[in-house]
Amino acid sequence: MTGFDLLHCALFIGLDVGKSEHHATALTTTGEKVYDKPLPNDETKLRTLLAELSSVHGPALLVVDQPATIGALPVAVARAAEEVEV
């Protein structure tokens, strides 16, 4: 995303990464929980989730608990997404 501004962020996504499965929670700026589920450690499913959430709610910020090592894939996927910042 070019020119990302945290103040224009519509959604905050927290990702607790694991070896075989992650857990994602997404909150709107009003604190409404719009997603709170396990998520397989799969690139296609990560791309799909980020695309769906950002298309419905707007620009998103993804926070990954372990951005290096096991969290490298979600970080790379989010960086490639147009409406998602890490």
C-alpha atoms as a PDB file:
ATOM      1  CA  MET A   1       0.000   0.000   0.000  1.00  0.00           C
ATOM      2  CA  THR A   2       1.468   3.318  -1.000  1.00  0.00           C
ATOM      3  CA  GLY A   3       1.237   6.167   1.470  1.00  0.00           C
ATOM      4  CA  PHE A   4      -0.296   4.054   4.230  1.00  0.00           C
ATOM      5  CA  ASP A   5      -1.609   6.163   7.088  1.00  0.00           C
ATOM      6  CA  LEU A   6      -2.483   4.447  10.356  1.00  0.00           C
ATOM      7  CA  LEU A   7      -5.214   7.026  10.947  1.00  0.00           C
ATOM      8  CA  HIS A   8      -7.008   5.784   7.830  1.00  0.00           C
ATOM      9  CA  CYS A   9      -6.796   2.170   8.893  1.00  0.00           C
ATOM     10  CA  ALA A  10     -10.262   0.597   9.040  1.00  0.00           C
ATOM     11  CA  LEU A  11      -9.261  -2.779  10.442  1.00  0.00           C
ATOM     12  CA  PHE A  12      -6.640  -4.186  12.790  1.00  0.00           C
ATOM     13  CA  ILE A  13      -5.739  -7.845  12.359  1.00  0.00           C
ATOM     14  CA  GLY A  14      -3.740  -9.713  14.958  1.00  0.00           C
ATOM     15  CA  LEU A  15      -2.120 -12.982  13.945  1.00  0.00           C
ATOM     16  CA  ASP A  16      -0.798 -15.475  16.461  1.00  0.00           C
ATOM     17  CA  VAL A  17       1.384 -17.730  14.318  1.00  0.00           C
ATOM     18  CA  GLY A  18       1.981 -21.422  14.846  1.00  0.00           C
ATOM     19  CA  LYS A  19       3.706 -24.203  12.925  1.00  0.00           C
ATOM     20  CA  SER A  20       0.612 -25.870  11.525  1.00  0.00           C
ATOM     21  CA  GLU A  21      -2.089 -23.331  12.319  1.00  0.00           C
ATOM     22  CA  HIS A  22      -2.424 -19.630  13.066  1.00  0.00           C
ATOM     23  CA  HIS A  23      -5.154 -17.760  14.918  1.00  0.00           C
ATOM     24  CA  ALA A  24      -6.416 -14.485  13.492  1.00  0.00           C
ATOM     25  CA  THR A  25      -8.512 -11.842  15.191  1.00  0.00           C
ATOM     26  CA  ALA A  26      -9.700  -8.724  13.379  1.00  0.00           C
ATOM     27  CA  LEU A  27     -11.200  -5.623  14.970  1.00  0.00           C
ATOM     28  CA  THR A  28     -12.719  -2.559  13.376  1.00  0.00           C
ATOM     29  CA  THR A  29     -11.816   0.916  14.588  1.00  0.00           C
ATOM     30  CA  THR A  30     -14.903   0.822  16.807  1.00  0.00           C
ATOM     31  CA  GLY A  31     -13.704  -2.387  18.460  1.00  0.00           C
ATOM     32  CA  GLU A  32     -16.163  -4.697  16.725  1.00  0.00           C
ATOM     33  CA  LYS A  33     -14.696  -8.180  16.337  1.00  0.00           C
ATOM     34  CA  VAL A  34     -15.282  -9.210  12.724  1.00  0.00           C
ATOM     35  CA  TYR A  35     -13.036 -12.278  12.610  1.00  0.00           C
ATOM     36  CA  ASP A  36     -11.761 -14.599  15.344  1.00  0.00           C
ATOM     37  CA  LYS A  37     -10.839 -18.051  14.047  1.00  0.00           C
ATOM     38  CA  PRO A  38      -8.029 -20.513  13.541  1.00  0.00           C
ATOM     39  CA  LEU A  39      -6.388 -20.224  10.140  1.00  0.00           C
ATOM     40  CA  PRO A  40      -4.274 -22.890   8.441  1.00  0.00           C
ATOM     41  CA  ASN A  41      -0.630 -22.008   7.761  1.00  0.00           C
ATOM     42  CA  ASP A  42      -1.339 -21.765   4.042  1.00  0.00           C
ATOM     43  CA  GLU A  43      -0.367 -18.938   1.692  1.00  0.00           C
ATOM     44  CA  THR A  44      -3.542 -19.104  -0.395  1.00  0.00           C
ATOM     45  CA  LYS A  45      -5.818 -19.017   2.656  1.00  0.00           C
ATOM     46  CA  LEU A  46      -3.846 -16.091   4.118  1.00  0.00           C
ATOM     47  CA  ARG A  47      -4.140 -14.152   0.842  1.00  0.00           C
ATOM     48  CA  THR A  48      -7.858 -14.902   0.638  1.00  0.00           C
ATOM     49  CA  LEU A  49      -8.526 -13.831   4.226  1.00  0.00           C
ATOM     50  CA  LEU A  50      -6.611 -10.550   3.898  1.00  0.00           C
ATOM     51  CA  ALA A  51      -8.294  -9.763   0.573  1.00  0.00           C
ATOM     52  CA  GLU A  52     -11.775 -10.514   1.920  1.00  0.00           C
ATOM     53  CA  LEU A  53     -11.338  -8.541   5.129  1.00  0.00           C
ATOM     54  CA  SER A  54      -9.829  -5.490   3.426  1.00  0.00           C
ATOM     55  CA  SER A  55     -12.409  -5.502   0.626  1.00  0.00           C
ATOM     56  CA  VAL A  56     -15.265  -5.484   3.151  1.00  0.00           C
ATOM     57  CA  HIS A  57     -13.794  -3.178   5.806  1.00  0.00           C
ATOM     58  CA  GLY A  58     -11.092  -1.130   4.071  1.00  0.00           C
ATOM     59  CA  PRO A  59      -7.362  -0.680   4.680  1.00  0.00           C
ATOM     60  CA  ALA A  60      -5.973  -3.007   7.327  1.00  0.00           C
ATOM     61  CA  LEU A  61      -2.986  -3.249   9.610  1.00  0.00           C
ATOM     62  CA  LEU A  62      -1.672  -6.768  10.254  1.00  0.00           C
ATOM     63  CA  VAL A  63       0.234  -7.360  13.480  1.00  0.00           C
ATOM     64  CA  VAL A  64       2.159 -10.643  13.648  1.00  0.00           C
ATOM     65  CA  ASP A  65       3.433 -11.932  16.989  1.00  0.00           C
ATOM     66  CA  GLN A  66       6.576 -13.494  15.463  1.00  0.00           C
ATOM     67  CA  PRO A  67       7.458 -11.538  12.299  1.00  0.00           C
ATOM     68  CA  ALA A  68      10.689 -13.480  11.731  1.00  0.00           C
ATOM     69  CA  THR A  69      11.024 -17.253  11.391  1.00  0.00           C
ATOM     70  CA  ILE A  70       7.554 -18.812  11.437  1.00  0.00           C
ATOM     71  CA  GLY A  71       5.797 -15.478  10.875  1.00  0.00           C
ATOM     72  CA  ALA A  72       7.767 -14.664   7.726  1.00  0.00           C
ATOM     73  CA  LEU A  73       5.110 -16.088   5.368  1.00  0.00           C
ATOM     74  CA  PRO A  74       2.199 -14.034   6.773  1.00  0.00           C
ATOM     75  CA  VAL A  75       4.391 -10.911   6.709  1.00  0.00           C
ATOM     76  CA  ALA A  76       5.332 -11.525   3.057  1.00  0.00           C
ATOM     77  CA  VAL A  77       1.719 -12.205   2.082  1.00  0.00           C
ATOM     78  CA  ALA A  78       0.530  -9.039   3.825  1.00  0.00           C
ATOM     79  CA  ARG A  79       3.246  -6.938   2.214  1.00  0.00           C
ATOM     80  CA  ALA A  80       2.072  -8.142  -1.198  1.00  0.00           C
ATOM     81  CA  ALA A  81      -1.556  -7.224  -0.445  1.00  0.00           C
ATOM     82  CA  GLU A  82      -2.656  -3.823  -1.697  1.00  0.00           C
ATOM     83  CA  GLU A  83      -4.801  -2.747   1.246  1.00  0.00           C
ATOM     84  CA  VAL A  84      -2.747  -4.276   4.061  1.00  0.00           C
ATOM     85  CA  GLU A  85       0.221  -2.871   5.964  1.00  0.00           C
ATOM     86  CA  VAL A  86       2.410  -4.803   8.404  1.00  0.00           C
END
